[in-house]
Amino acid sequence: MRELRIDGTLILAVDHGYGNIKTANTVFSNGFVERDTEPVMSTDYLYYGGKYYVLDQGHKNYTKDKVMDNVFYILTVAAIAKELYLRNARCEKIHLAVGVPLK
């Protein structure tokens, strides 16, 4: 697994695609289901802000402006968590490299 660091800070690239969220080491659907209780049948979820977000559930429709709601924020946090998990890291100082909107 290749890492890019600048002054000890981990650089993570996240591509917020129309169908998938992509990082250097992961690809997952940009859909999720929000739940109040811990999922029983899935281990691929994010617990954030008192809610459980079960990943890879469905597909978010095309949206021109990805900052109008918290959907892509949650997906970005999930992408960061997946990358840190693969690195067996609990906490890192990171810089995000993300795409810019077409608009």
Protein backbone atom coordinates (compact mmCIF):
# COMPACT_ATOMS: atom_id res chain seq x y z
CA MET A 1 0.00 0.00 0.00
CA ARG A 2 1.55 3.23 -1.16
CA GLU A 3 1.35 6.29 1.08
CA LEU A 4 1.97 9.90 0.29
CA ARG A 5 2.99 12.12 3.18
CA ILE A 6 4.07 15.71 3.38
CA ASP A 7 5.70 16.77 6.65
CA GLY A 8 4.18 13.71 8.37
CA THR A 9 0.67 14.48 7.15
CA LEU A 10 -1.10 11.71 5.25
CA ILE A 11 -2.53 12.78 1.90
CA LEU A 12 -5.82 11.05 1.09
CA ALA A 13 -7.50 11.41 -2.28
CA VAL A 14 -11.27 10.95 -2.46
CA ASP A 15 -13.14 10.90 -5.76
CA HIS A 16 -16.83 11.65 -5.26
CA GLY A 17 -18.08 9.96 -8.40
CA TYR A 18 -21.64 9.82 -9.66
CA GLY A 19 -21.96 6.13 -8.80
CA ASN A 20 -19.03 5.25 -6.58
CA ILE A 21 -16.74 6.82 -4.01
CA LYS A 22 -13.15 5.98 -4.82
CA THR A 23 -9.92 6.22 -2.84
CA ALA A 24 -6.48 4.81 -3.56
CA ASN A 25 -7.46 1.48 -2.02
CA THR A 26 -11.26 1.30 -1.94
CA VAL A 27 -14.32 1.66 -4.13
CA PHE A 28 -17.84 1.66 -2.73
CA SER A 29 -21.30 2.71 -3.84
CA ASN A 30 -22.38 6.26 -3.07
CA GLY A 31 -25.60 5.00 -1.50
CA PHE A 32 -26.30 4.36 2.16
CA VAL A 33 -29.18 3.88 4.56
CA GLU A 34 -29.39 5.91 7.77
CA ARG A 35 -30.51 4.01 10.88
CA ASP A 36 -31.02 4.81 14.55
CA THR A 37 -29.88 1.37 15.71
CA GLU A 38 -26.77 -0.68 15.01
CA PRO A 39 -27.20 -2.88 11.93
CA VAL A 40 -27.41 -6.60 12.63
CA MET A 41 -26.63 -7.97 9.17
CA SER A 42 -23.90 -5.57 8.01
CA THR A 43 -20.39 -4.85 9.17
CA ASP A 44 -19.84 -2.11 6.59
CA TYR A 45 -21.29 0.89 8.36
CA LEU A 46 -20.26 4.20 9.83
CA TYR A 47 -21.38 5.42 13.25
CA TYR A 48 -21.37 9.19 13.23
CA GLY A 49 -23.34 11.84 15.10
CA GLY A 50 -25.47 9.28 16.94
CA LYS A 51 -26.60 7.60 13.69
CA TYR A 52 -25.57 4.47 11.84
CA TYR A 53 -24.97 4.74 8.10
CA VAL A 54 -25.03 1.37 6.35
CA LEU A 55 -22.84 1.72 3.26
CA ASP A 56 -23.25 0.19 -0.20
CA GLN A 57 -27.02 0.38 0.04
CA GLY A 58 -28.46 1.66 -3.20
CA HIS A 59 -27.22 4.47 -5.33
CA LYS A 60 -27.62 8.22 -4.95
CA ASN A 61 -29.10 9.89 -7.98
CA TYR A 62 -27.08 12.42 -9.95
CA THR A 63 -26.85 15.76 -8.22
CA LYS A 64 -25.32 18.87 -9.70
CA ASP A 65 -24.29 20.36 -6.37
CA LYS A 66 -22.90 17.78 -3.95
CA VAL A 67 -22.76 20.14 -0.97
CA MET A 68 -26.48 20.87 -0.68
CA ASP A 69 -26.96 18.12 1.93
CA ASN A 70 -24.81 15.95 4.21
CA VAL A 71 -24.77 12.90 1.93
CA PHE A 72 -21.31 13.44 0.47
CA TYR A 73 -19.97 14.60 3.84
CA ILE A 74 -20.98 11.24 5.33
CA LEU A 75 -19.49 9.42 2.32
CA THR A 76 -16.23 11.38 2.71
CA VAL A 77 -15.99 10.46 6.39
CA ALA A 78 -16.64 6.82 5.43
CA ALA A 79 -13.88 6.96 2.78
CA ILE A 80 -11.43 8.38 5.33
CA ALA A 81 -12.40 5.68 7.85
CA LYS A 82 -11.93 2.92 5.27
CA GLU A 83 -8.47 4.20 4.30
CA LEU A 84 -7.36 4.54 7.94
CA TYR A 85 -8.70 1.06 8.71
CA LEU A 86 -6.67 -0.43 5.85
CA ARG A 87 -3.58 1.27 7.27
CA ASN A 88 -4.36 -0.01 10.78
CA ALA A 89 -4.29 3.61 11.95
CA ARG A 90 -6.59 5.02 14.59
CA CYS A 91 -5.77 8.65 14.14
CA GLU A 92 -3.78 10.56 11.57
CA LYS A 93 -3.28 14.13 10.59
CA ILE A 94 -4.58 14.18 7.03
CA HIS A 95 -5.03 16.46 4.06
CA LEU A 96 -7.85 15.63 1.68
CA ALA A 97 -7.34 15.84 -2.05
CA VAL A 98 -10.78 16.01 -3.63
CA GLY A 99 -12.16 16.87 -7.01
CA VAL A 100 -13.75 20.16 -7.87
CA PRO A 101 -17.31 20.38 -9.17
CA LEU A 102 -17.87 20.55 -12.92
CA LYS A 103 -19.84 23.74 -12.35
